[in-house]
N, C-alpha and C. Protein backbone atom coordinates (compact mmCIF):
# COMPACT_ATOMS: atom_id res chain seq x y z
N MET A 1 -38.98 -9.51 28.79
CA MET A 1 -37.70 -10.20 28.96
C MET A 1 -37.97 -11.67 29.28
N GLY A 2 -37.12 -12.53 28.73
CA GLY A 2 -37.26 -13.95 29.07
C GLY A 2 -36.82 -14.19 30.50
N ARG A 3 -37.30 -15.28 31.04
CA ARG A 3 -36.88 -15.62 32.40
C ARG A 3 -35.47 -16.17 32.38
N TRP A 4 -34.73 -15.92 33.45
CA TRP A 4 -33.36 -16.40 33.56
C TRP A 4 -33.41 -17.92 33.58
N GLY A 5 -32.85 -18.55 32.58
CA GLY A 5 -32.83 -20.01 32.56
C GLY A 5 -33.65 -20.62 31.45
N ASP A 6 -34.41 -19.81 30.69
CA ASP A 6 -35.22 -20.42 29.64
C ASP A 6 -34.45 -20.54 28.32
N GLY A 7 -33.31 -19.85 28.22
CA GLY A 7 -32.49 -19.96 27.03
C GLY A 7 -33.13 -19.40 25.77
N GLN A 8 -34.11 -18.52 25.93
CA GLN A 8 -34.81 -17.96 24.78
C GLN A 8 -34.31 -16.56 24.47
N THR A 9 -34.54 -16.13 23.23
CA THR A 9 -34.19 -14.75 22.91
C THR A 9 -35.39 -13.87 23.19
N SER A 10 -35.12 -12.65 23.57
CA SER A 10 -36.20 -11.68 23.73
C SER A 10 -35.72 -10.36 23.13
N THR A 11 -36.68 -9.55 22.71
CA THR A 11 -36.33 -8.30 22.06
C THR A 11 -36.66 -7.15 22.98
N ARG A 12 -35.71 -6.24 23.13
CA ARG A 12 -35.94 -5.06 23.96
C ARG A 12 -35.27 -3.89 23.27
N TYR A 13 -36.01 -2.82 23.04
CA TYR A 13 -35.52 -1.66 22.30
C TYR A 13 -34.94 -2.10 20.95
N GLY A 14 -35.55 -3.12 20.35
CA GLY A 14 -35.09 -3.59 19.05
C GLY A 14 -33.79 -4.36 19.10
N ILE A 15 -33.29 -4.67 20.29
CA ILE A 15 -32.03 -5.40 20.41
C ILE A 15 -32.35 -6.80 20.91
N LYS A 16 -31.86 -7.81 20.20
CA LYS A 16 -32.10 -9.18 20.64
C LYS A 16 -31.10 -9.54 21.72
N THR A 17 -31.59 -10.07 22.82
CA THR A 17 -30.72 -10.51 23.89
C THR A 17 -30.98 -11.98 24.15
N LEU A 18 -29.95 -12.70 24.49
CA LEU A 18 -30.10 -14.12 24.78
C LEU A 18 -30.02 -14.33 26.28
N THR A 19 -31.05 -14.97 26.83
CA THR A 19 -30.99 -15.29 28.25
C THR A 19 -30.23 -16.59 28.39
N VAL A 20 -29.29 -16.61 29.29
CA VAL A 20 -28.40 -17.75 29.44
C VAL A 20 -29.06 -18.82 30.30
N PRO A 21 -29.06 -20.08 29.83
CA PRO A 21 -29.61 -21.14 30.67
C PRO A 21 -28.84 -21.24 31.99
N HIS A 22 -29.55 -21.40 33.08
CA HIS A 22 -28.95 -21.37 34.40
C HIS A 22 -29.57 -22.48 35.22
N LYS A 23 -28.84 -22.98 36.21
CA LYS A 23 -29.38 -24.11 36.99
C LYS A 23 -30.55 -23.69 37.86
N TYR A 24 -30.65 -22.39 38.19
CA TYR A 24 -31.80 -21.91 38.96
C TYR A 24 -32.75 -21.22 38.00
N ASP A 25 -34.02 -21.59 38.06
CA ASP A 25 -35.00 -20.91 37.22
C ASP A 25 -35.53 -19.73 38.01
N GLN A 26 -34.89 -18.59 37.83
CA GLN A 26 -35.29 -17.39 38.56
C GLN A 26 -35.07 -16.18 37.67
N PRO A 27 -35.80 -15.09 37.91
CA PRO A 27 -35.60 -13.88 37.13
C PRO A 27 -34.17 -13.37 37.29
N TYR A 28 -33.67 -12.74 36.24
CA TYR A 28 -32.30 -12.24 36.23
C TYR A 28 -32.08 -11.22 37.33
N ARG A 29 -33.06 -10.33 37.53
CA ARG A 29 -32.95 -9.31 38.59
C ARG A 29 -34.35 -8.97 39.08
N PRO A 30 -34.43 -8.35 40.26
CA PRO A 30 -35.75 -7.99 40.79
C PRO A 30 -36.51 -7.06 39.84
N CYS A 31 -37.83 -7.14 39.88
CA CYS A 31 -38.63 -6.36 38.93
C CYS A 31 -38.46 -4.87 39.13
N TRP A 32 -38.19 -4.42 40.35
CA TRP A 32 -38.03 -2.97 40.55
C TRP A 32 -36.77 -2.47 39.86
N VAL A 33 -35.75 -3.33 39.76
CA VAL A 33 -34.54 -2.94 39.03
C VAL A 33 -34.86 -2.79 37.55
N ASP A 34 -35.60 -3.78 37.01
CA ASP A 34 -36.02 -3.70 35.61
C ASP A 34 -36.83 -2.44 35.36
N ASN A 35 -37.76 -2.13 36.27
CA ASN A 35 -38.59 -0.93 36.10
C ASN A 35 -37.74 0.33 36.12
N ALA A 36 -36.77 0.38 37.03
CA ALA A 36 -35.91 1.56 37.13
C ALA A 36 -35.08 1.71 35.85
N ILE A 37 -34.54 0.60 35.35
CA ILE A 37 -33.75 0.66 34.13
C ILE A 37 -34.62 1.09 32.96
N ASP A 38 -35.85 0.55 32.92
CA ASP A 38 -36.78 0.89 31.85
C ASP A 38 -37.09 2.38 31.86
N LEU A 39 -37.40 2.91 33.05
CA LEU A 39 -37.69 4.34 33.19
C LEU A 39 -36.49 5.18 32.78
N TRP A 40 -35.30 4.82 33.30
CA TRP A 40 -34.10 5.59 33.02
C TRP A 40 -33.79 5.58 31.53
N SER A 41 -33.91 4.40 30.88
CA SER A 41 -33.57 4.36 29.46
C SER A 41 -34.57 5.15 28.63
N ARG A 42 -35.85 5.12 29.01
CA ARG A 42 -36.83 5.95 28.29
C ARG A 42 -36.49 7.44 28.44
N TYR A 43 -36.11 7.82 29.65
CA TYR A 43 -35.75 9.21 29.92
C TYR A 43 -34.51 9.60 29.12
N ALA A 44 -33.52 8.70 29.09
CA ALA A 44 -32.29 8.97 28.35
C ALA A 44 -32.56 9.08 26.85
N ILE A 45 -33.41 8.18 26.32
CA ILE A 45 -33.76 8.22 24.90
C ILE A 45 -34.48 9.52 24.58
N ASP A 46 -35.38 9.93 25.47
CA ASP A 46 -36.12 11.18 25.27
C ASP A 46 -35.16 12.37 25.26
N LEU A 47 -34.25 12.42 26.23
CA LEU A 47 -33.26 13.50 26.29
C LEU A 47 -32.41 13.52 25.03
N TRP A 48 -31.95 12.34 24.61
CA TRP A 48 -31.08 12.25 23.45
C TRP A 48 -31.80 12.73 22.19
N SER A 49 -33.08 12.34 22.03
CA SER A 49 -33.79 12.76 20.83
C SER A 49 -34.01 14.27 20.84
N ARG A 50 -34.27 14.85 22.00
CA ARG A 50 -34.41 16.31 22.07
C ARG A 50 -33.11 17.00 21.71
N TYR A 51 -32.01 16.47 22.21
CA TYR A 51 -30.69 17.02 21.93
C TYR A 51 -30.38 16.94 20.44
N ALA A 52 -30.68 15.77 19.84
CA ALA A 52 -30.43 15.58 18.41
C ALA A 52 -31.30 16.53 17.59
N ASN A 53 -32.55 16.70 17.99
CA ASN A 53 -33.45 17.62 17.28
C ASN A 53 -32.94 19.05 17.37
N ALA A 54 -32.44 19.43 18.55
CA ALA A 54 -31.91 20.78 18.73
C ALA A 54 -30.69 21.00 17.83
N LEU A 55 -29.87 19.97 17.68
CA LEU A 55 -28.69 20.08 16.81
C LEU A 55 -29.10 20.21 15.34
N ASN A 56 -30.14 19.49 14.96
CA ASN A 56 -30.54 19.45 13.56
C ASN A 56 -31.35 20.66 13.13
N SER A 57 -32.00 21.32 14.09
CA SER A 57 -32.83 22.45 13.69
C SER A 57 -31.95 23.66 13.37
N PRO A 58 -32.32 24.44 12.38
CA PRO A 58 -31.49 25.59 11.97
C PRO A 58 -31.47 26.70 13.03
């Protein structure tokens, strides 16, 4: 992820996000929040793919 305030795009899960330039050059959120979101989204993606596979299998 780009730092809060650099105005650069970054790619996450194939989605481009734009970090908004800000008067304070600081991370958007604490790293433990990012880690928790990252873990949760991986878990959710894993669950969803299992669910989709179960639906598709005969």
